[in-house]
Amino acid sequence: MFESVQRTTGREYTRTVAWLAAALIFIPAAFLAVRPGYISLSLAFFCSVSCVTIAWISWKRSRLTIPSIAPQNAASK
């Protein structure tokens, strides 16, 4: 059922997902909770872009790919 070449990703995506959640959920929610203005809008936008950038860098450094569903030895036949 499971091939030895396949491995689980474990918790290596946790950091990336946490940065994306902060950028797309928590920062906009905090912006809506405080009194909206140009300064808070600029700060929220900057923080969201920063979190997305850090998530992208974290994902690139992890070098993980989604494993193929087909077994490796079946693909070579």
Protein backbone atom coordinates (compact mmCIF):
# COMPACT_ATOMS: atom_id res chain seq x y z
CA MET A 1 0.00 0.00 0.00
CA PHE A 2 2.68 2.53 0.99
CA GLU A 3 5.93 2.71 -0.92
CA SER A 4 9.21 3.26 0.85
CA VAL A 5 10.03 6.26 -1.35
CA GLN A 6 6.96 8.13 -0.16
CA ARG A 7 7.23 10.05 3.07
CA THR A 8 4.89 12.20 5.05
CA THR A 9 5.39 15.94 5.15
CA GLY A 10 4.85 15.97 8.90
CA ARG A 11 4.80 19.45 10.38
CA GLU A 12 6.99 21.18 7.83
CA TYR A 13 4.07 23.16 6.38
CA THR A 14 2.82 24.35 9.78
CA ARG A 15 4.91 27.52 9.76
CA THR A 16 3.80 28.44 6.24
CA VAL A 17 0.12 27.92 7.06
CA ALA A 18 0.48 29.95 10.26
CA TRP A 19 1.96 32.92 8.35
CA LEU A 20 -0.82 32.72 5.75
CA ALA A 21 -3.48 32.55 8.47
CA ALA A 22 -2.01 35.65 10.10
CA ALA A 23 -1.93 37.49 6.78
CA LEU A 24 -5.38 36.52 5.53
CA ILE A 25 -7.46 36.12 8.71
CA PHE A 26 -6.02 37.72 11.85
CA ILE A 27 -4.64 40.98 10.45
CA PRO A 28 -7.84 41.88 8.54
CA ALA A 29 -9.90 40.94 11.63
CA ALA A 30 -7.76 43.18 13.81
CA PHE A 31 -8.15 45.97 11.28
CA LEU A 32 -11.93 45.65 11.41
CA ALA A 33 -11.90 45.56 15.23
CA VAL A 34 -10.10 48.90 15.56
CA ARG A 35 -11.25 52.21 14.21
CA PRO A 36 -10.43 52.14 10.47
CA GLY A 37 -8.30 54.95 9.14
CA TYR A 38 -5.56 55.54 6.61
CA ILE A 39 -2.75 54.80 9.05
CA SER A 40 -4.27 51.55 10.32
CA LEU A 41 -5.17 50.52 6.76
CA SER A 42 -1.59 51.12 5.64
CA LEU A 43 -0.22 49.23 8.64
CA ALA A 44 -2.59 46.29 8.08
CA PHE A 45 -1.70 46.13 4.38
CA PHE A 46 2.04 46.23 5.14
CA CYS A 47 1.73 43.51 7.80
CA SER A 48 -0.33 41.28 5.50
CA VAL A 49 2.13 41.63 2.63
CA SER A 50 5.01 40.93 5.02
CA CYS A 51 3.33 37.77 6.32
CA VAL A 52 2.59 36.50 2.81
CA THR A 53 6.21 37.14 1.82
CA ILE A 54 7.52 35.28 4.86
CA ALA A 55 5.13 32.39 4.14
CA TRP A 56 6.38 32.19 0.55
CA ILE A 57 10.01 32.17 1.70
CA SER A 58 9.21 29.50 4.30
CA TRP A 59 7.50 27.35 1.66
CA LYS A 60 10.41 27.71 -0.77
CA ARG A 61 12.95 26.76 1.90
CA SER A 62 11.04 23.62 2.86
CA ARG A 63 11.58 22.11 -0.62
CA LEU A 64 8.56 19.88 -0.19
CA THR A 65 6.49 18.66 -3.07
CA ILE A 66 3.21 16.82 -3.17
CA PRO A 67 4.04 13.15 -3.74
CA SER A 68 2.57 11.37 -6.71
CA ILE A 69 -0.34 9.03 -6.09
CA ALA A 70 1.02 6.46 -8.54
CA PRO A 71 3.79 4.20 -7.22
CA GLN A 72 7.24 5.10 -8.52
CA ASN A 73 8.00 1.65 -9.96
CA ALA A 74 4.73 1.59 -11.93
CA ALA A 75 5.64 4.81 -13.69
CA SER A 76 8.86 3.34 -15.06
CA LYS A 77 7.15 0.32 -16.66
